Every structure is written in structure tokens, then in C-alpha cells.
C-alpha atoms as a PDB file:
ATOM      1  CA  MET A   1     196.763 114.158 176.787  1.00  0.00           C
ATOM      2  CA  ASP A   2     196.923 116.253 173.615  1.00  0.00           C
ATOM      3  CA  ALA A   3     195.009 119.655 173.016  1.00  0.00           C
ATOM      4  CA  ALA A   4     191.247 119.345 172.839  1.00  0.00           C
ATOM      5  CA  LEU A   5     189.874 118.517 169.463  1.00  0.00           C
ATOM      6  CA  GLY A   6     187.116 120.451 167.626  1.00  0.00           C
ATOM      7  CA  LEU A   7     183.800 119.133 167.802  1.00  0.00           C
ATOM      8  CA  PRO A   8     183.497 118.191 164.132  1.00  0.00           C
ATOM      9  CA  VAL A   9     186.713 116.146 164.276  1.00  0.00           C
ATOM     10  CA  LEU A  10     185.500 114.446 167.544  1.00  0.00           C
ATOM     11  CA  VAL A  11     182.141 113.669 165.990  1.00  0.00           C
ATOM     12  CA  GLY A  12     183.850 112.419 162.774  1.00  0.00           C
ATOM     13  CA  LEU A  13     186.112 110.060 164.779  1.00  0.00           C
ATOM     14  CA  ILE A  14     183.070 108.786 166.765  1.00  0.00           C
ATOM     15  CA  ALA A  15     181.275 108.136 163.433  1.00  0.00           C
ATOM     16  CA  VAL A  16     184.254 106.110 162.228  1.00  0.00           C
ATOM     17  CA  ALA A  17     184.337 104.077 165.496  1.00  0.00           C
ATOM     18  CA  LEU A  18     180.626 103.288 164.931  1.00  0.00           C
ATOM     19  CA  LEU A  19     181.352 102.340 161.405  1.00  0.00           C
ATOM     20  CA  PHE A  20     183.911  99.751 162.598  1.00  0.00           C
ATOM     21  CA  ASP A  21     181.065  98.560 165.025  1.00  0.00           C
ATOM     22  CA  PHE A  22     178.623  98.200 162.200  1.00  0.00           C
ATOM     23  CA  LEU A  23     181.148  96.341 160.090  1.00  0.00           C
ATOM     24  CA  ASN A  24     182.046  94.244 163.139  1.00  0.00           C
ATOM     25  CA  GLY A  25     178.274  93.170 163.103  1.00  0.00           C
ATOM     26  CA  LEU A  26     178.272  92.692 159.389  1.00  0.00           C
ATOM     27  CA  HIS A  27     181.437  90.495 159.368  1.00  0.00           C
ATOM     28  CA  ASP A  28     180.613  88.649 162.509  1.00  0.00           C
ATOM     29  CA  ALA A  29     176.713  88.212 161.769  1.00  0.00           C
ATOM     30  CA  ALA A  30     177.972  84.579 160.612  1.00  0.00           C
ATOM     31  CA  ASN A  31     179.253  83.878 164.138  1.00  0.00           C
ATOM     32  CA  SER A  32     175.581  84.422 165.556  1.00  0.00           C
ATOM     33  CA  ILE A  33     173.714  82.781 162.840  1.00  0.00           C
ATOM     34  CA  ALA A  34     175.919  80.294 160.979  1.00  0.00           C
ATOM     35  CA  THR A  35     174.782  77.186 162.747  1.00  0.00           C
ATOM     36  CA  ILE A  36     171.083  77.962 162.897  1.00  0.00           C
ATOM     37  CA  VAL A  37     170.961  78.624 159.339  1.00  0.00           C
ATOM     38  CA  SER A  38     173.234  75.629 158.355  1.00  0.00           C
ATOM     39  CA  THR A  39     170.932  73.196 160.197  1.00  0.00           C
ATOM     40  CA  ARG A  40     168.005  74.898 158.393  1.00  0.00           C
ATOM     41  CA  VAL A  41     166.028  75.692 161.504  1.00  0.00           C
ATOM     42  CA  LEU A  42     165.807  79.452 160.372  1.00  0.00           C
ATOM     43  CA  ARG A  43     166.121  81.085 157.002  1.00  0.00           C
ATOM     44  CA  PRO A  44     169.074  83.579 156.807  1.00  0.00           C
ATOM     45  CA  GLN A  45     166.760  86.568 156.482  1.00  0.00           C
ATOM     46  CA  PHE A  46     164.978  85.564 159.863  1.00  0.00           C
ATOM     47  CA  ALA A  47     168.189  84.536 161.575  1.00  0.00           C
ATOM     48  CA  VAL A  48     169.713  87.897 161.292  1.00  0.00           C
ATOM     49  CA  PHE A  49     166.734  89.683 162.898  1.00  0.00           C
ATOM     50  CA  TRP A  50     166.883  87.092 165.702  1.00  0.00           C
ATOM     51  CA  ALA A  51     170.642  87.669 166.203  1.00  0.00           C
ATOM     52  CA  ALA A  52     170.458  91.488 165.793  1.00  0.00           C
ATOM     53  CA  PHE A  53     167.747  91.599 168.652  1.00  0.00           C
ATOM     54  CA  PHE A  54     170.054  89.710 171.093  1.00  0.00           C
ATOM     55  CA  ASN A  55     173.141  91.515 170.001  1.00  0.00           C
ATOM     56  CA  PHE A  56     171.508  94.772 170.967  1.00  0.00           C
ATOM     57  CA  VAL A  57     170.038  93.808 174.430  1.00  0.00           C
ATOM     58  CA  ALA A  58     173.413  92.395 175.537  1.00  0.00           C
ATOM     59  CA  PHE A  59     174.281  95.558 177.348  1.00  0.00           C
ATOM     60  CA  MET A  60     171.390  94.857 179.993  1.00  0.00           C
ATOM     61  CA  VAL A  61     173.121  91.497 180.933  1.00  0.00           C
ATOM     62  CA  PHE A  62     176.886  92.089 181.248  1.00  0.00           C
ATOM     63  CA  GLY A  63     178.958  94.777 182.915  1.00  0.00           C
ATOM     64  CA  LEU A  64     181.688  96.807 181.008  1.00  0.00           C
ATOM     65  CA  HIS A  65     184.670  94.925 181.949  1.00  0.00           C
ATOM     66  CA  VAL A  66     185.705  94.409 178.311  1.00  0.00           C
ATOM     67  CA  ALA A  67     185.386  97.958 177.453  1.00  0.00           C
ATOM     68  CA  GLN A  68     187.768  98.821 180.548  1.00  0.00           C
ATOM     69  CA  THR A  69     190.414  96.489 179.090  1.00  0.00           C
ATOM     70  CA  ILE A  70     190.170  97.964 175.451  1.00  0.00           C
ATOM     71  CA  GLY A  71     190.147 101.553 176.933  1.00  0.00           C
ATOM     72  CA  THR A  72     193.153 101.259 179.338  1.00  0.00           C
ATOM     73  CA  GLY A  73     194.639  97.874 179.138  1.00  0.00           C
ATOM     74  CA  ILE A  74     196.226  97.703 175.513  1.00  0.00           C
ATOM     75  CA  ILE A  75     198.078 100.880 175.122  1.00  0.00           C
ATOM     76  CA  ASP A  76     198.738 103.573 177.714  1.00  0.00           C
ATOM     77  CA  PRO A  77     195.604 106.006 177.662  1.00  0.00           C
ATOM     78  CA  SER A  78     197.782 109.067 178.329  1.00  0.00           C
ATOM     79  CA  ILE A  79     199.390 108.752 174.860  1.00  0.00           C
ATOM     80  CA  VAL A  80     195.934 108.425 173.069  1.00  0.00           C
ATOM     81  CA  ASP A  81     194.924 111.112 170.745  1.00  0.00           C
ATOM     82  CA  ALA A  82     192.671 111.632 167.554  1.00  0.00           C
ATOM     83  CA  GLN A  83     195.410 110.429 165.271  1.00  0.00           C
ATOM     84  CA  VAL A  84     196.137 107.164 167.351  1.00  0.00           C
ATOM     85  CA  ILE A  85     192.347 106.312 167.389  1.00  0.00           C
ATOM     86  CA  PHE A  86     191.975 107.236 163.593  1.00  0.00           C
ATOM     87  CA  ALA A  87     194.833 105.078 162.591  1.00  0.00           C
ATOM     88  CA  ALA A  88     193.700 102.057 164.891  1.00  0.00           C
ATOM     89  CA  LEU A  89     190.123 102.103 163.340  1.00  0.00           C
ATOM     90  CA  VAL A  90     191.562 102.248 159.847  1.00  0.00           C
ATOM     91  CA  GLY A  91     193.748  99.341 160.452  1.00  0.00           C
ATOM     92  CA  ALA A  92     190.961  97.323 161.943  1.00  0.00           C
ATOM     93  CA  ILE A  93     188.452  98.472 159.163  1.00  0.00           C
ATOM     94  CA  VAL A  94     190.780  97.834 156.206  1.00  0.00           C
ATOM     95  CA  TRP A  95     191.512  94.167 157.518  1.00  0.00           C
ATOM     96  CA  ASN A  96     187.960  93.570 158.144  1.00  0.00           C
ATOM     97  CA  LEU A  97     186.895  94.526 154.533  1.00  0.00           C
ATOM     98  CA  VAL A  98     189.813  92.448 153.103  1.00  0.00           C
ATOM     99  CA  THR A  99     188.748  89.350 154.932  1.00  0.00           C
ATOM    100  CA  TRP A 100     185.036  89.972 154.429  1.00  0.00           C
ATOM    101  CA  ALA A 101     185.450  90.221 150.623  1.00  0.00           C
ATOM    102  CA  LEU A 102     187.448  87.154 150.657  1.00  0.00           C
ATOM    103  CA  GLY A 103     185.011  85.233 152.823  1.00  0.00           C
ATOM    104  CA  ILE A 104     187.470  84.429 155.549  1.00  0.00           C
ATOM    105  CA  PRO A 105     186.138  84.576 159.104  1.00  0.00           C
ATOM    106  CA  SER A 106     189.004  86.519 160.792  1.00  0.00           C
ATOM    107  CA  SER A 107     188.685  88.310 164.058  1.00  0.00           C
ATOM    108  CA  SER A 108     187.310  92.003 163.981  1.00  0.00           C
ATOM    109  CA  SER A 109     188.413  91.906 167.670  1.00  0.00           C
ATOM    110  CA  HIS A 110     192.048  91.198 167.229  1.00  0.00           C
ATOM    111  CA  ALA A 111     192.111  93.319 164.150  1.00  0.00           C
ATOM    112  CA  LEU A 112     190.985  96.320 166.404  1.00  0.00           C
ATOM    113  CA  ILE A 113     193.534  95.290 169.091  1.00  0.00           C
ATOM    114  CA  GLY A 114     196.204  94.975 166.660  1.00  0.00           C
ATOM    115  CA  GLY A 115     195.399  98.389 165.105  1.00  0.00           C
ATOM    116  CA  LEU A 116     195.363 100.074 168.508  1.00  0.00           C
ATOM    117  CA  PHE A 117     198.848  98.522 169.297  1.00  0.00           C
ATOM    118  CA  GLY A 118     200.297  99.396 166.056  1.00  0.00           C
ATOM    119  CA  ALA A 119     199.103 103.064 166.250  1.00  0.00           C
ATOM    120  CA  GLY A 120     200.289 103.422 169.854  1.00  0.00           C
ATOM    121  CA  VAL A 121     203.756 102.049 169.067  1.00  0.00           C
ATOM    122  CA  ALA A 122     204.034 104.292 165.927  1.00  0.00           C
ATOM    123  CA  LYS A 123     203.409 107.306 168.206  1.00  0.00           C
ATOM    124  CA  ALA A 124     205.191 106.462 171.322  1.00  0.00           C
ATOM    125  CA  GLY A 125     207.328 103.410 170.844  1.00  0.00           C
ATOM    126  CA  ILE A 126     206.978 100.102 172.348  1.00  0.00           C
ATOM    127  CA  SER A 127     206.722 101.552 175.739  1.00  0.00           C
ATOM    128  CA  ALA A 128     203.079 102.585 174.753  1.00  0.00           C
ATOM    129  CA  ALA A 129     202.007  98.770 175.074  1.00  0.00           C
ATOM    130  CA  VAL A 130     200.300  97.668 178.464  1.00  0.00           C
ATOM    131  CA  TRP A 131     201.557  94.305 178.416  1.00  0.00           C
ATOM    132  CA  SER A 132     199.438  92.804 181.120  1.00  0.00           C
ATOM    133  CA  GLY A 133     196.296  93.477 179.066  1.00  0.00           C
ATOM    134  CA  LEU A 134     197.993  92.465 175.735  1.00  0.00           C
ATOM    135  CA  SER A 135     199.278  89.246 177.145  1.00  0.00           C
ATOM    136  CA  LYS A 136     195.855  88.513 178.604  1.00  0.00           C
ATOM    137  CA  THR A 137     194.412  88.977 175.070  1.00  0.00           C
ATOM    138  CA  VAL A 138     197.048  87.060 173.281  1.00  0.00           C
ATOM    139  CA  ILE A 139     196.525  84.023 175.611  1.00  0.00           C
ATOM    140  CA  ALA A 140     192.778  84.280 174.941  1.00  0.00           C
ATOM    141  CA  ILE A 141     193.686  84.026 171.064  1.00  0.00           C
ATOM    142  CA  VAL A 142     194.630  80.242 171.698  1.00  0.00           C
ATOM    143  CA  LEU A 143     192.309  79.503 174.833  1.00  0.00           C
ATOM    144  CA  SER A 144     189.040  80.569 173.317  1.00  0.00           C
ATOM    145  CA  PRO A 145     188.811  78.312 170.429  1.00  0.00           C
ATOM    146  CA  LEU A 146     190.189  75.500 172.522  1.00  0.00           C
ATOM    147  CA  VAL A 147     187.565  76.080 175.361  1.00  0.00           C
ATOM    148  CA  GLY A 148     184.967  76.397 172.738  1.00  0.00           C
ATOM    149  CA  PHE A 149     186.134  72.991 171.065  1.00  0.00           C
ATOM    150  CA  LEU A 150     186.305  70.966 174.433  1.00  0.00           C
ATOM    151  CA  LEU A 151     182.965  72.353 175.738  1.00  0.00           C
ATOM    152  CA  ALA A 152     181.296  71.539 172.429  1.00  0.00           C
ATOM    153  CA  MET A 153     182.914  67.785 172.511  1.00  0.00           C
ATOM    154  CA  VAL A 154     181.750  67.306 176.017  1.00  0.00           C
ATOM    155  CA  LEU A 155     178.250  68.591 175.219  1.00  0.00           C
ATOM    156  CA  VAL A 156     177.961  66.268 172.287  1.00  0.00           C
ATOM    157  CA  ALA A 157     178.990  63.288 174.361  1.00  0.00           C
ATOM    158  CA  ILE A 158     176.474  64.365 177.167  1.00  0.00           C
ATOM    159  CA  VAL A 159     173.641  64.772 174.618  1.00  0.00           C
ATOM    160  CA  SER A 160     174.242  61.740 172.566  1.00  0.00           C
ATOM    161  CA  TRP A 161     174.141  59.541 175.782  1.00  0.00           C
ATOM    162  CA  ALA A 162     170.937  61.333 177.084  1.00  0.00           C
ATOM    163  CA  SER A 163     169.246  60.759 173.855  1.00  0.00           C
ATOM    164  CA  VAL A 164     170.457  57.269 173.050  1.00  0.00           C
ATOM    165  CA  ARG A 165     166.975  55.823 173.560  1.00  0.00           C
ATOM    166  CA  SER A 166     165.119  58.432 171.527  1.00  0.00           C
ATOM    167  CA  THR A 167     164.356  58.082 167.735  1.00  0.00           C
ATOM    168  CA  PRO A 168     166.417  60.268 165.427  1.00  0.00           C
ATOM    169  CA  PHE A 169     163.221  62.118 164.371  1.00  0.00           C
ATOM    170  CA  ALA A 170     162.543  63.001 167.989  1.00  0.00           C
ATOM    171  CA  VAL A 171     166.037  64.199 168.746  1.00  0.00           C
ATOM    172  CA  ASP A 172     165.944  66.438 165.623  1.00  0.00           C
ATOM    173  CA  ARG A 173     162.628  67.838 166.475  1.00  0.00           C
ATOM    174  CA  ALA A 174     163.737  68.663 170.021  1.00  0.00           C
ATOM    175  CA  PHE A 175     167.049  70.213 169.130  1.00  0.00           C
ATOM    176  CA  ARG A 176     165.421  72.306 166.404  1.00  0.00           C
ATOM    177  CA  ILE A 177     163.423  74.132 169.252  1.00  0.00           C
ATOM    178  CA  LEU A 178     166.476  74.031 171.625  1.00  0.00           C
ATOM    179  CA  GLN A 179     168.649  75.785 168.933  1.00  0.00           C
ATOM    180  CA  PHE A 180     166.523  78.864 169.353  1.00  0.00           C
ATOM    181  CA  ALA A 181     167.545  79.101 173.037  1.00  0.00           C
ATOM    182  CA  SER A 182     171.292  78.315 172.169  1.00  0.00           C
ATOM    183  CA  ALA A 183     171.584  80.766 169.260  1.00  0.00           C
ATOM    184  CA  SER A 184     170.026  83.375 171.527  1.00  0.00           C
ATOM    185  CA  LEU A 185     172.742  82.789 174.152  1.00  0.00           C
ATOM    186  CA  TYR A 186     175.490  82.893 171.638  1.00  0.00           C
ATOM    187  CA  SER A 187     174.184  86.321 169.903  1.00  0.00           C
ATOM    188  CA  LEU A 188     173.853  87.721 173.501  1.00  0.00           C
ATOM    189  CA  GLY A 189     177.513  86.751 174.220  1.00  0.00           C
ATOM    190  CA  HIS A 190     178.537  88.284 170.972  1.00  0.00           C
ATOM    191  CA  GLY A 191     176.781  91.674 171.590  1.00  0.00           C
ATOM    192  CA  GLY A 192     178.330  91.531 175.209  1.00  0.00           C
ATOM    193  CA  ASN A 193     181.868  90.990 174.255  1.00  0.00           C
ATOM    194  CA  ASP A 194     182.193  92.479 170.686  1.00  0.00           C
ATOM    195  CA  ALA A 195     180.344  95.812 171.140  1.00  0.00           C
ATOM    196  CA  GLN A 196     182.369  96.743 174.270  1.00  0.00           C
ATOM    197  CA  LYS A 197     185.435  96.960 172.122  1.00  0.00           C
ATOM    198  CA  THR A 198     184.254  99.999 170.264  1.00  0.00           C
ATOM    199  CA  MET A 199     182.825 101.487 173.474  1.00  0.00           C
ATOM    200  CA  GLY A 200     186.429 101.266 175.086  1.00  0.00           C
ATOM    201  CA  ILE A 201     187.733 103.128 171.877  1.00  0.00           C
ATOM    202  CA  ILE A 202     185.120 105.802 171.948  1.00  0.00           C
ATOM    203  CA  ALA A 203     185.483 106.190 175.885  1.00  0.00           C
ATOM    204  CA  VAL A 204     189.248 106.331 175.748  1.00  0.00           C
ATOM    205  CA  LEU A 205     189.042 109.125 172.942  1.00  0.00           C
ATOM    206  CA  LEU A 206     186.635 111.026 175.094  1.00  0.00           C
ATOM    207  CA  TYR A 207     188.849 110.674 178.064  1.00  0.00           C
ATOM    208  CA  SER A 208     192.066 111.807 176.106  1.00  0.00           C
ATOM    209  CA  GLN A 209     190.233 114.861 175.166  1.00  0.00           C
ATOM    210  CA  GLY A 210     188.937 115.686 178.810  1.00  0.00           C
ATOM    211  CA  HIS A 211     185.285 114.934 178.304  1.00  0.00           C
ATOM    212  CA  LEU A 212     185.029 112.405 181.062  1.00  0.00           C
ATOM    213  CA  GLY A 213     186.726 114.383 183.763  1.00  0.00           C
ATOM    214  CA  GLY A 214     189.767 112.697 185.416  1.00  0.00           C
ATOM    215  CA  GLU A 215     188.059 109.161 185.627  1.00  0.00           C
ATOM    216  CA  PHE A 216     187.693 106.844 182.696  1.00  0.00           C
ATOM    217  CA  PHE A 217     184.170 105.385 182.398  1.00  0.00           C
ATOM    218  CA  VAL A 218     181.960 104.586 179.459  1.00  0.00           C
ATOM    219  CA  PRO A 219     178.811 106.973 179.183  1.00  0.00           C
ATOM    220  CA  PHE A 220     175.422 105.225 178.510  1.00  0.00           C
ATOM    221  CA  TRP A 221     174.922 106.934 175.256  1.00  0.00           C
ATOM    222  CA  VAL A 222     178.101 105.243 174.130  1.00  0.00           C
ATOM    223  CA  VAL A 223     176.724 101.936 175.166  1.00  0.00           C
ATOM    224  CA  LEU A 224     173.555 102.455 173.266  1.00  0.00           C
ATOM    225  CA  SER A 225     175.229 103.762 170.088  1.00  0.00           C
ATOM    226  CA  CYS A 226     177.564 100.835 169.895  1.00  0.00           C
ATOM    227  CA  GLN A 227     174.858  98.008 170.613  1.00  0.00           C
ATOM    228  CA  ALA A 228     172.774  99.665 168.023  1.00  0.00           C
ATOM    229  CA  ALA A 229     175.557 100.036 165.330  1.00  0.00           C
ATOM    230  CA  MET A 230     176.330  96.304 165.898  1.00  0.00           C
ATOM    231  CA  ALA A 231     172.820  95.288 165.681  1.00  0.00           C
ATOM    232  CA  MET A 232     172.325  97.236 162.434  1.00  0.00           C
ATOM    233  CA  GLY A 233     175.362  95.381 160.858  1.00  0.00           C
ATOM    234  CA  THR A 234     174.252  91.950 161.959  1.00  0.00           C
ATOM    235  CA  LEU A 235     171.064  92.833 160.081  1.00  0.00           C
ATOM    236  CA  MET A 236     173.077  93.355 156.961  1.00  0.00           C
ATOM    237  CA  GLY A 237     175.111  90.160 157.639  1.00  0.00           C
ATOM    238  CA  GLY A 238     177.520  88.667 155.125  1.00  0.00           C
ATOM    239  CA  TRP A 239     176.197  85.472 153.496  1.00  0.00           C
ATOM    240  CA  ARG A 240     179.943  84.500 152.303  1.00  0.00           C
ATOM    241  CA  ILE A 241     181.207  83.916 155.926  1.00  0.00           C
ATOM    242  CA  VAL A 242     178.055  82.171 156.947  1.00  0.00           C
ATOM    243  CA  ARG A 243     178.571  79.785 154.308  1.00  0.00           C
ATOM    244  CA  THR A 244     182.117  79.163 155.313  1.00  0.00           C
ATOM    245  CA  MET A 245     181.406  78.907 159.019  1.00  0.00           C
ATOM    246  CA  GLY A 246     178.103  76.852 158.739  1.00  0.00           C
ATOM    247  CA  LEU A 247     178.619  74.775 155.510  1.00  0.00           C
ATOM    248  CA  ARG A 248     182.242  74.259 154.571  1.00  0.00           C
ATOM    249  CA  ILE A 249     183.855  73.423 157.947  1.00  0.00           C
ATOM    250  CA  THR A 250     181.657  70.581 158.616  1.00  0.00           C
ATOM    251  CA  LYS A 251     177.991  69.432 158.186  1.00  0.00           C
ATOM    252  CA  LEU A 252     175.894  70.141 161.187  1.00  0.00           C
ATOM    253  CA  THR A 253     172.520  68.433 162.656  1.00  0.00           C
ATOM    254  CA  PRO A 254     170.459  70.545 164.917  1.00  0.00           C
ATOM    255  CA  MET A 255     171.751  68.657 167.843  1.00  0.00           C
ATOM    256  CA  GLN A 256     175.391  69.512 166.755  1.00  0.00           C
ATOM    257  CA  GLY A 257     174.374  73.029 166.175  1.00  0.00           C
ATOM    258  CA  PHE A 258     172.872  73.367 169.674  1.00  0.00           C
ATOM    259  CA  CYS A 259     176.197  71.906 171.225  1.00  0.00           C
ATOM    260  CA  ALA A 260     178.319  74.358 168.961  1.00  0.00           C
ATOM    261  CA  GLU A 261     176.290  77.428 170.049  1.00  0.00           C
ATOM    262  CA  THR A 262     176.007  76.492 173.679  1.00  0.00           C
ATOM    263  CA  GLY A 263     179.744  75.727 174.000  1.00  0.00           C
ATOM    264  CA  GLY A 264     180.585  78.941 172.234  1.00  0.00           C
ATOM    265  CA  ALA A 265     178.081  80.970 174.390  1.00  0.00           C
ATOM    266  CA  ALA A 266     179.511  79.433 177.704  1.00  0.00           C
ATOM    267  CA  THR A 267     182.917  80.539 176.541  1.00  0.00           C
ATOM    268  CA  LEU A 268     182.018  84.131 175.578  1.00  0.00           C
ATOM    269  CA  PHE A 269     179.912  84.513 178.925  1.00  0.00           C
ATOM    270  CA  MET A 270     183.060  83.648 181.010  1.00  0.00           C
ATOM    271  CA  ALA A 271     185.452  85.887 179.043  1.00  0.00           C
ATOM    272  CA  THR A 272     183.004  88.864 179.032  1.00  0.00           C
ATOM    273  CA  TYR A 273     182.558  88.575 182.900  1.00  0.00           C
ATOM    274  CA  LEU A 274     186.512  88.358 183.339  1.00  0.00           C
ATOM    275  CA  GLY A 275     186.924  91.386 181.145  1.00  0.00           C
ATOM    276  CA  VAL A 276     188.806  89.552 178.407  1.00  0.00           C
ATOM    277  CA  PRO A 277     188.122  90.700 174.705  1.00  0.00           C
ATOM    278  CA  VAL A 278     188.049  87.343 173.099  1.00  0.00           C
ATOM    279  CA  SER A 279     187.488  86.793 169.378  1.00  0.00           C
ATOM    280  CA  THR A 280     183.870  85.526 168.868  1.00  0.00           C
ATOM    281  CA  THR A 281     184.941  84.193 165.459  1.00  0.00           C
ATOM    282  CA  HIS A 282     187.654  81.955 167.143  1.00  0.00           C
ATOM    283  CA  THR A 283     185.284  80.791 169.732  1.00  0.00           C
ATOM    284  CA  ILE A 284     182.374  79.483 167.450  1.00  0.00           C
ATOM    285  CA  THR A 285     184.739  78.047 164.866  1.00  0.00           C
ATOM    286  CA  GLY A 286     186.519  76.131 167.716  1.00  0.00           C
ATOM    287  CA  ALA A 287     183.065  74.842 168.894  1.00  0.00           C
ATOM    288  CA  ILE A 288     182.038  73.970 165.412  1.00  0.00           C
ATOM    289  CA  VAL A 289     185.229  71.955 164.772  1.00  0.00           C
ATOM    290  CA  GLY A 290     184.650  70.332 168.079  1.00  0.00           C
ATOM    291  CA  VAL A 291     181.277  68.970 167.277  1.00  0.00           C
ATOM    292  CA  GLY A 292     182.594  67.732 163.836  1.00  0.00           C
ATOM    293  CA  ALA A 293     185.433  66.089 165.532  1.00  0.00           C
ATOM    294  CA  ALA A 294     183.152  64.359 168.169  1.00  0.00           C
ATOM    295  CA  ARG A 295     181.625  62.554 165.378  1.00  0.00           C
ATOM    296  CA  ARG A 296     184.896  61.426 163.711  1.00  0.00           C
ATOM    297  CA  LEU A 297     188.007  63.551 162.777  1.00  0.00           C
ATOM    298  CA  SER A 298     187.439  63.074 159.103  1.00  0.00           C
ATOM    299  CA  ALA A 299     184.046  64.952 159.384  1.00  0.00           C
ATOM    300  CA  VAL A 300     186.103  68.090 159.860  1.00  0.00           C
ATOM    301  CA  ARG A 301     187.304  69.738 156.439  1.00  0.00           C
ATOM    302  CA  TRP A 302     190.872  70.535 157.961  1.00  0.00           C
ATOM    303  CA  ASN A 303     191.936  72.300 154.926  1.00  0.00           C
ATOM    304  CA  VAL A 304     189.263  74.950 155.591  1.00  0.00           C
ATOM    305  CA  ALA A 305     189.913  75.047 159.148  1.00  0.00           C
ATOM    306  CA  SER A 306     193.661  75.627 158.691  1.00  0.00           C
ATOM    307  CA  SER A 307     192.948  78.306 156.223  1.00  0.00           C
ATOM    308  CA  ILE A 308     191.033  80.177 158.964  1.00  0.00           C
ATOM    309  CA  VAL A 309     193.803  79.596 161.338  1.00  0.00           C
ATOM    310  CA  TYR A 310     196.194  81.097 159.121  1.00  0.00           C
ATOM    311  CA  ALA A 311     193.889  84.259 158.928  1.00  0.00           C
ATOM    312  CA  TRP A 312     193.984  84.358 162.587  1.00  0.00           C
ATOM    313  CA  VAL A 313     197.669  84.215 162.900  1.00  0.00           C
ATOM    314  CA  ILE A 314     198.198  87.210 160.697  1.00  0.00           C
ATOM    315  CA  THR A 315     195.244  89.539 161.763  1.00  0.00           C
ATOM    316  CA  MET A 316     196.926  91.272 164.607  1.00  0.00           C
ATOM    317  CA  PRO A 317     200.332  92.000 162.844  1.00  0.00           C
ATOM    318  CA  ALA A 318     198.559  92.936 159.697  1.00  0.00           C
ATOM    319  CA  SER A 319     196.021  95.473 161.233  1.00  0.00           C
ATOM    320  CA  ALA A 320     199.007  96.874 163.416  1.00  0.00           C
ATOM    321  CA  ILE A 321     201.201  97.479 160.287  1.00  0.00           C
ATOM    322  CA  VAL A 322     198.176  99.260 158.376  1.00  0.00           C
ATOM    323  CA  ALA A 323     197.517 101.242 161.647  1.00  0.00           C
ATOM    324  CA  ALA A 324     201.139 102.231 162.024  1.00  0.00           C
ATOM    325  CA  LEU A 325     201.455 103.242 158.318  1.00  0.00           C
ATOM    326  CA  THR A 326     198.208 105.137 158.642  1.00  0.00           C
ATOM    327  CA  TRP A 327     199.480 106.852 161.762  1.00  0.00           C
ATOM    328  CA  TRP A 328     202.640 108.145 159.757  1.00  0.00           C
ATOM    329  CA  ALA A 329     200.693 109.047 156.680  1.00  0.00           C
ATOM    330  CA  VAL A 330     198.459 111.240 158.695  1.00  0.00           C
ATOM    331  CA  LYS A 331     201.426 112.748 160.493  1.00  0.00           C
ATOM    332  CA  ILE A 332     203.221 113.702 157.289  1.00  0.00           C
ATOM    333  CA  PHE A 333     200.015 114.842 155.645  1.00  0.00           C
ATOM    334  CA  VAL A 334     198.932 116.987 158.629  1.00  0.00           C
ATOM    335  CA  LYS A 335     202.489 118.695 158.547  1.00  0.00           C
END
């Protein structure tokens, strides 16, 4: 561990981490509310309040397994210092802002992981990586949208069979009500998985400076701060990405919105329980594509879906490169 930081620098770095969490909520608000907005069950201004509340209370439901993975399972915590954390956050924030401005629903989670990896490798070489944690995360890049896709398709099949004797009006009315529950569950899963990533970053920074003693853990004030920052970001959610997620990939009915959110929520609950930092963006996009494909393959606008996949593929390398360049720039500037 490096020499202890002065209090102003430490507070400043924590503020930058919370800014990332805020931007994560802003960027990923679309994940929580896109389906309930696109099916016109809730107006956007009400939907963001609904999502923000469940994002905030998520810490009461889930453990802190994901924070543990981020703090100790991506790069060796012994090489972490202020410069590494700052560079990692800059890499993630820059990529988030670029994709948010372009309306592309890329992954804030993988931007952060890419930033952490890039900064760690810039400092200590490839040996800084914890390959067990990284491999688990990379596998999740593929599995989370696939699981969301399959669960949503299965749910559409089950629900369609169960409601075959009901009138379209009755089905629509029932699922408009049920979508409140599915959107709540999805927002809960989003808050549980995504906010923990910043908790892990702040906790490993505190650990590297000797503020946690000899054992890594996440202080309760860090938990509350991160959940609050994400909830505030969700309140300021970006409409551009909501439009892509909820309107441009495929048209959704309330029944399909319910299936997409429930499939996505189940995927996030499993991942959070297992301590895997998955992408909520990947998960809900896979689920939305799943419900569209269950109707017919042509119902999915595959050109939109493919442009989102391209953004996913380059997110980790792009944020890693920005973080590595930031680490070197800081090193040269400080000298």
C-alpha cells in the first residue's frame, strides 16, 4: 500500500466515485424505466421517481457480494492507490458520457471494470489482474443478456398460454397493473448490482489507505452514499437512452413489458446473489429482444440491436485505454 493520502485528496476521490455512481444512475435510468414508459403504463417523470425509490432501498435486500468482487477480484488490492482509482474512474466516466451523449446504452459496469483493469495494468503490468474475478465478469458479458433473452421468451410463452381465453382488453389491463411489480423488481435488482460496484471502489480505496484496518469490508456510510447517488442519478434519467431501449428495439405491449422486466430482474437477482458484477444494460436489452423475438424475429429491429452489441464489445477496451492514458498523464504531471 502507498503512503496515506491527505484528507482533501481522499474526500475528492470519494466525490469522484460518487459522481460516477450518479452518472451510472443517470445513464442506466433507461434500464429501469424504459419498458414501463414505452408501454405507457407510467409517464417518464413518474417512472423515474418509482425507479429511484427502489434503486435506493436495494441495500436492504441484497448482501455486498458484488462490492467484494469489485474491491478485491478485478485487480490486486495491494497495488491500488489514489492514482489507480482516479484513472479508473476517469476511464469509466469519459466512456459513460460519450455513450450517453450518443444515446447508446453501453454498460457503466463494464466501463468501470475496464477502467480499473486499465489503470491497474498501467501501474503494475499484467500481473495486477485477478484473472478469476475478471474471467467471471467476462463470462457474464455473454451470459447475462442470453439468460435475460431466454427467460423473457419463456415467460412470454407461459403468459400467452395462460391468457389465451382472456380478451385482449382484460390482458392489457391486468398487465398494466402487474408491470408496477415487475418494474419495481427490476429497479431493485439494478440498485442491488450497480451501486455495489462503486461501493467496492470506495472501499478498496479506504482499504489501501489503511482506514479499514487489516480487513476489507464496506462501511455502512459508503453503502448509503452510493445508493443515494445512484437514486439521484436515476431521478435525472436520460430520455435519449430510454427512447432507444423502450421504443427503437421493438414495440412493447404491457404483457411483453412485464415479461422483459421479470426476466431481467430474475437474472440480476441471481447474479447479485452470486457476487457477479453483470451489466444491467445488457440484461434488460437481452430481455427486450427476447420478448420481441417471441412474437416474430422480424419484430426486432436487428440493426439497432447490433449497434448496441458493438458498443458492448468496445466498452471494456475503450475505458481501459482511457484509464491507462489517464494514469500515465497523472504520473507525468505529478512528477
